[in-house]
């Protein structure tokens, strides 16, 4: 799964032709670590429909603050350069896919 930064967020996320699921994550966040296998599976299985990337909130404060992310993990879906959905908290793959159904 790709990692994005403040420096390349515009190109990798906002400029993406596909919708992008961004996980705002932190090294110290246990629920974020729980999501790694789920997001890895989604990145492989849904690569033709959307991209999955991570952004470390501690190393990328500008993007984190721009989107007012306060809790980890926060998931945001970006389509055509705009955030179209936001979700907070770890969840099972099936639930995450259900949440994404109307935006990807």
C-alpha atoms as a PDB file:
ATOM      1  CA  UNK A   1       0.000   0.000   0.000  1.00  0.00           C
ATOM      2  CA  UNK A   2       1.354   3.388  -0.990  1.00  0.00           C
ATOM      3  CA  UNK A   3       2.189   6.115   1.482  1.00  0.00           C
ATOM      4  CA  UNK A   4       1.574   9.759   0.603  1.00  0.00           C
ATOM      5  CA  UNK A   5       2.999  12.903   2.156  1.00  0.00           C
ATOM      6  CA  UNK A   6       2.204  16.600   2.374  1.00  0.00           C
ATOM      7  CA  UNK A   7       4.542  17.068  -0.603  1.00  0.00           C
ATOM      8  CA  UNK A   8       2.842  14.624  -2.992  1.00  0.00           C
ATOM      9  CA  UNK A   9      -0.767  14.622  -1.711  1.00  0.00           C
ATOM     10  CA  UNK A  10      -1.902  16.960  -4.483  1.00  0.00           C
ATOM     11  CA  UNK A  11      -0.467  14.783  -7.232  1.00  0.00           C
ATOM     12  CA  UNK A  12      -1.147  11.341  -5.783  1.00  0.00           C
ATOM     13  CA  UNK A  13      -4.605  11.944  -4.280  1.00  0.00           C
ATOM     14  CA  UNK A  14      -6.193  15.123  -5.581  1.00  0.00           C
ATOM     15  CA  UNK A  15      -4.881  14.553  -9.110  1.00  0.00           C
ATOM     16  CA  UNK A  16      -5.714  10.856  -9.311  1.00  0.00           C
ATOM     17  CA  UNK A  17      -7.976   9.670 -12.117  1.00  0.00           C
ATOM     18  CA  UNK A  18      -9.344   6.939  -9.838  1.00  0.00           C
ATOM     19  CA  UNK A  19     -11.073   7.621  -6.509  1.00  0.00           C
ATOM     20  CA  UNK A  20      -8.603   7.389  -3.616  1.00  0.00           C
ATOM     21  CA  UNK A  21      -9.224   5.998  -0.126  1.00  0.00           C
ATOM     22  CA  UNK A  22      -6.825   7.768   2.244  1.00  0.00           C
ATOM     23  CA  UNK A  23      -6.191   6.355   5.697  1.00  0.00           C
ATOM     24  CA  UNK A  24      -4.935   9.047   8.067  1.00  0.00           C
ATOM     25  CA  UNK A  25      -2.821   6.935  10.393  1.00  0.00           C
ATOM     26  CA  UNK A  26      -0.179   7.085  13.118  1.00  0.00           C
ATOM     27  CA  UNK A  27       2.521   4.668  14.271  1.00  0.00           C
ATOM     28  CA  UNK A  28       1.191   4.810  17.851  1.00  0.00           C
ATOM     29  CA  UNK A  29      -2.401   3.911  16.872  1.00  0.00           C
ATOM     30  CA  UNK A  30      -3.392   0.251  17.570  1.00  0.00           C
ATOM     31  CA  UNK A  31      -6.625   0.384  15.507  1.00  0.00           C
ATOM     32  CA  UNK A  32      -4.558   1.735  12.599  1.00  0.00           C
ATOM     33  CA  UNK A  33      -2.291  -1.306  12.783  1.00  0.00           C
ATOM     34  CA  UNK A  34      -5.386  -3.544  12.762  1.00  0.00           C
ATOM     35  CA  UNK A  35      -6.405  -2.005   9.453  1.00  0.00           C
ATOM     36  CA  UNK A  36      -3.145  -2.817   7.627  1.00  0.00           C
ATOM     37  CA  UNK A  37      -4.205  -6.287   6.358  1.00  0.00           C
ATOM     38  CA  UNK A  38      -7.705  -5.039   5.478  1.00  0.00           C
ATOM     39  CA  UNK A  39      -6.390  -2.075   3.496  1.00  0.00           C
ATOM     40  CA  UNK A  40      -3.697  -4.201   1.863  1.00  0.00           C
ATOM     41  CA  UNK A  41      -6.337  -6.644   0.654  1.00  0.00           C
ATOM     42  CA  UNK A  42      -8.524  -3.812  -0.648  1.00  0.00           C
ATOM     43  CA  UNK A  43      -5.567  -2.235  -2.444  1.00  0.00           C
ATOM     44  CA  UNK A  44      -4.928  -5.513  -4.288  1.00  0.00           C
ATOM     45  CA  UNK A  45      -8.514  -6.588  -4.914  1.00  0.00           C
ATOM     46  CA  UNK A  46      -9.990  -3.223  -5.899  1.00  0.00           C
ATOM     47  CA  UNK A  47      -7.046  -1.693  -7.789  1.00  0.00           C
ATOM     48  CA  UNK A  48      -9.154  -1.259 -10.924  1.00  0.00           C
ATOM     49  CA  UNK A  49     -11.869   0.697  -9.035  1.00  0.00           C
ATOM     50  CA  UNK A  50      -9.947   2.854  -6.537  1.00  0.00           C
ATOM     51  CA  UNK A  51      -6.541   3.440  -4.947  1.00  0.00           C
ATOM     52  CA  UNK A  52      -5.711   2.961  -1.262  1.00  0.00           C
ATOM     53  CA  UNK A  53      -3.016   5.095   0.382  1.00  0.00           C
ATOM     54  CA  UNK A  54      -1.865   5.993   3.883  1.00  0.00           C
ATOM     55  CA  UNK A  55      -0.849   9.359   5.269  1.00  0.00           C
ATOM     56  CA  UNK A  56       1.046   9.491   8.567  1.00  0.00           C
ATOM     57  CA  UNK A  57      -0.478  12.342  10.582  1.00  0.00           C
ATOM     58  CA  UNK A  58       2.620  12.943  12.694  1.00  0.00           C
ATOM     59  CA  UNK A  59       4.905  13.367   9.687  1.00  0.00           C
ATOM     60  CA  UNK A  60       2.381  15.271   7.530  1.00  0.00           C
ATOM     61  CA  UNK A  61       0.681  17.944   9.658  1.00  0.00           C
ATOM     62  CA  UNK A  62      -0.267  20.279   6.796  1.00  0.00           C
ATOM     63  CA  UNK A  63      -2.597  17.796   5.074  1.00  0.00           C
ATOM     64  CA  UNK A  64      -3.876  16.486   8.404  1.00  0.00           C
ATOM     65  CA  UNK A  65      -4.814  20.007   9.521  1.00  0.00           C
ATOM     66  CA  UNK A  66      -6.226  20.997   6.119  1.00  0.00           C
ATOM     67  CA  UNK A  67      -8.811  18.212   6.367  1.00  0.00           C
ATOM     68  CA  UNK A  68      -9.380  18.689  10.119  1.00  0.00           C
ATOM     69  CA  UNK A  69      -8.437  15.105  10.996  1.00  0.00           C
ATOM     70  CA  UNK A  70      -8.583  14.644  14.776  1.00  0.00           C
ATOM     71  CA  UNK A  71      -9.005  10.883  15.291  1.00  0.00           C
ATOM     72  CA  UNK A  72      -7.111   7.901  13.958  1.00  0.00           C
ATOM     73  CA  UNK A  73      -7.780   6.058  11.859  1.00  0.00           C
ATOM     74  CA  UNK A  74      -9.787   8.455   9.735  1.00  0.00           C
ATOM     75  CA  UNK A  75     -10.658   7.317   6.232  1.00  0.00           C
ATOM     76  CA  UNK A  76     -11.462   9.824   3.507  1.00  0.00           C
ATOM     77  CA  UNK A  77     -12.475   9.098  -0.045  1.00  0.00           C
ATOM     78  CA  UNK A  78     -11.356  11.649  -2.617  1.00  0.00           C
ATOM     79  CA  UNK A  79     -12.905  11.742  -6.074  1.00  0.00           C
ATOM     80  CA  UNK A  80     -12.033  14.331  -8.724  1.00  0.00           C
ATOM     81  CA  UNK A  81      -9.861  16.182  -6.212  1.00  0.00           C
ATOM     82  CA  UNK A  82     -12.584  16.563  -3.589  1.00  0.00           C
ATOM     83  CA  UNK A  83     -13.332  14.685  -0.358  1.00  0.00           C
ATOM     84  CA  UNK A  84     -16.653  12.869  -0.843  1.00  0.00           C
ATOM     85  CA  UNK A  85     -16.834  10.691   2.277  1.00  0.00           C
ATOM     86  CA  UNK A  86     -15.222  10.512   5.709  1.00  0.00           C
ATOM     87  CA  UNK A  87     -15.291   7.661   8.246  1.00  0.00           C
ATOM     88  CA  UNK A  88     -13.600   7.276  11.638  1.00  0.00           C
ATOM     89  CA  UNK A  89     -12.458   4.094  13.362  1.00  0.00           C
ATOM     90  CA  UNK A  90     -11.316   0.607  12.492  1.00  0.00           C
ATOM     91  CA  UNK A  91     -13.823  -1.616  10.720  1.00  0.00           C
ATOM     92  CA  UNK A  92     -14.069  -4.994   9.059  1.00  0.00           C
ATOM     93  CA  UNK A  93     -13.395  -5.283   5.346  1.00  0.00           C
ATOM     94  CA  UNK A  94     -17.042  -6.065   4.548  1.00  0.00           C
ATOM     95  CA  UNK A  95     -18.267  -2.973   6.404  1.00  0.00           C
ATOM     96  CA  UNK A  96     -15.628  -0.750   4.805  1.00  0.00           C
ATOM     97  CA  UNK A  97     -16.647  -1.972   1.345  1.00  0.00           C
ATOM     98  CA  UNK A  98     -20.295  -1.295   2.182  1.00  0.00           C
ATOM     99  CA  UNK A  99     -19.393   2.237   3.310  1.00  0.00           C
ATOM    100  CA  UNK A 100     -17.496   2.810   0.052  1.00  0.00           C
ATOM    101  CA  UNK A 101     -20.215   1.420  -2.226  1.00  0.00           C
ATOM    102  CA  UNK A 102     -21.892   4.756  -2.915  1.00  0.00           C
ATOM    103  CA  UNK A 103     -18.688   6.729  -3.608  1.00  0.00           C
ATOM    104  CA  UNK A 104     -16.380   4.493  -5.661  1.00  0.00           C
END
